[in-house]
């Protein structure tokens, strides 16, 4: 498998953070690779944390 960079969409980041069957499905595609996210994903994650009142 290529060890190149993979840019993850927000939903994939969410699956990997939460774990479960969806994370298991994507795990082989990201293992051993440099992972990156788009700037919009950063914003969406901040928005989600704020919306869910995660706090500091």
C-alpha atoms as a PDB file:
ATOM      1  CA  UNK A   1       0.000   0.000   0.000  1.00  0.00           C
ATOM      2  CA  UNK A   2       1.193   3.515  -0.797  1.00  0.00           C
ATOM      3  CA  UNK A   3       2.378   5.538   2.207  1.00  0.00           C
ATOM      4  CA  UNK A   4       1.209   8.840   0.707  1.00  0.00           C
ATOM      5  CA  UNK A   5      -0.843  11.541   2.341  1.00  0.00           C
ATOM      6  CA  UNK A   6      -4.593  11.055   2.722  1.00  0.00           C
ATOM      7  CA  UNK A   7      -6.897  14.046   3.148  1.00  0.00           C
ATOM      8  CA  UNK A   8      -9.827  13.084   5.357  1.00  0.00           C
ATOM      9  CA  UNK A   9     -13.314  14.540   5.109  1.00  0.00           C
ATOM     10  CA  UNK A  10     -15.095  15.621   8.286  1.00  0.00           C
ATOM     11  CA  UNK A  11     -17.322  12.551   8.462  1.00  0.00           C
ATOM     12  CA  UNK A  12     -14.323  10.188   8.230  1.00  0.00           C
ATOM     13  CA  UNK A  13     -12.519  12.069  11.012  1.00  0.00           C
ATOM     14  CA  UNK A  14     -15.676  11.732  13.104  1.00  0.00           C
ATOM     15  CA  UNK A  15     -15.912   7.983  12.448  1.00  0.00           C
ATOM     16  CA  UNK A  16     -12.279   7.468  13.427  1.00  0.00           C
ATOM     17  CA  UNK A  17     -12.654   9.536  16.600  1.00  0.00           C
ATOM     18  CA  UNK A  18     -15.813   7.710  17.695  1.00  0.00           C
ATOM     19  CA  UNK A  19     -14.643   4.208  16.807  1.00  0.00           C
ATOM     20  CA  UNK A  20     -17.061   1.439  15.938  1.00  0.00           C
ATOM     21  CA  UNK A  21     -17.787  -0.406  12.724  1.00  0.00           C
ATOM     22  CA  UNK A  22     -17.480   2.643  10.470  1.00  0.00           C
ATOM     23  CA  UNK A  23     -14.027   3.403  11.869  1.00  0.00           C
ATOM     24  CA  UNK A  24     -13.015  -0.220  11.315  1.00  0.00           C
ATOM     25  CA  UNK A  25     -14.086   0.038   7.673  1.00  0.00           C
ATOM     26  CA  UNK A  26     -11.826   3.046   7.048  1.00  0.00           C
ATOM     27  CA  UNK A  27      -8.879   2.013   9.259  1.00  0.00           C
ATOM     28  CA  UNK A  28      -7.051  -0.059   6.607  1.00  0.00           C
ATOM     29  CA  UNK A  29      -7.145   2.911   4.231  1.00  0.00           C
ATOM     30  CA  UNK A  30      -5.452   5.308   6.671  1.00  0.00           C
ATOM     31  CA  UNK A  31      -2.999   3.099   8.567  1.00  0.00           C
ATOM     32  CA  UNK A  32       0.625   3.905   7.864  1.00  0.00           C
ATOM     33  CA  UNK A  33      -0.214   7.092   5.995  1.00  0.00           C
ATOM     34  CA  UNK A  34       0.217  10.765   6.753  1.00  0.00           C
ATOM     35  CA  UNK A  35      -3.262  12.086   7.519  1.00  0.00           C
ATOM     36  CA  UNK A  36      -4.420  15.610   6.773  1.00  0.00           C
ATOM     37  CA  UNK A  37      -7.667  17.538   7.041  1.00  0.00           C
ATOM     38  CA  UNK A  38      -8.923  20.554   5.121  1.00  0.00           C
ATOM     39  CA  UNK A  39      -9.312  23.893   6.851  1.00  0.00           C
ATOM     40  CA  UNK A  40     -13.093  23.640   6.500  1.00  0.00           C
ATOM     41  CA  UNK A  41     -12.973  20.398   8.532  1.00  0.00           C
ATOM     42  CA  UNK A  42     -11.260  22.277  11.365  1.00  0.00           C
ATOM     43  CA  UNK A  43     -14.090  24.814  11.308  1.00  0.00           C
ATOM     44  CA  UNK A  44     -16.767  22.133  11.219  1.00  0.00           C
ATOM     45  CA  UNK A  45     -15.188  20.355  14.176  1.00  0.00           C
ATOM     46  CA  UNK A  46     -15.011  23.578  16.204  1.00  0.00           C
ATOM     47  CA  UNK A  47     -18.632  24.314  15.300  1.00  0.00           C
ATOM     48  CA  UNK A  48     -19.717  20.818  16.354  1.00  0.00           C
ATOM     49  CA  UNK A  49     -17.908  21.096  19.691  1.00  0.00           C
ATOM     50  CA  UNK A  50     -19.473  24.496  20.340  1.00  0.00           C
ATOM     51  CA  UNK A  51     -22.934  23.281  19.280  1.00  0.00           C
ATOM     52  CA  UNK A  52     -22.688  20.277  21.630  1.00  0.00           C
ATOM     53  CA  UNK A  53     -21.399  22.477  24.501  1.00  0.00           C
ATOM     54  CA  UNK A  54     -18.223  20.433  24.977  1.00  0.00           C
ATOM     55  CA  UNK A  55     -16.637  23.322  26.911  1.00  0.00           C
ATOM     56  CA  UNK A  56     -12.957  24.245  27.024  1.00  0.00           C
END
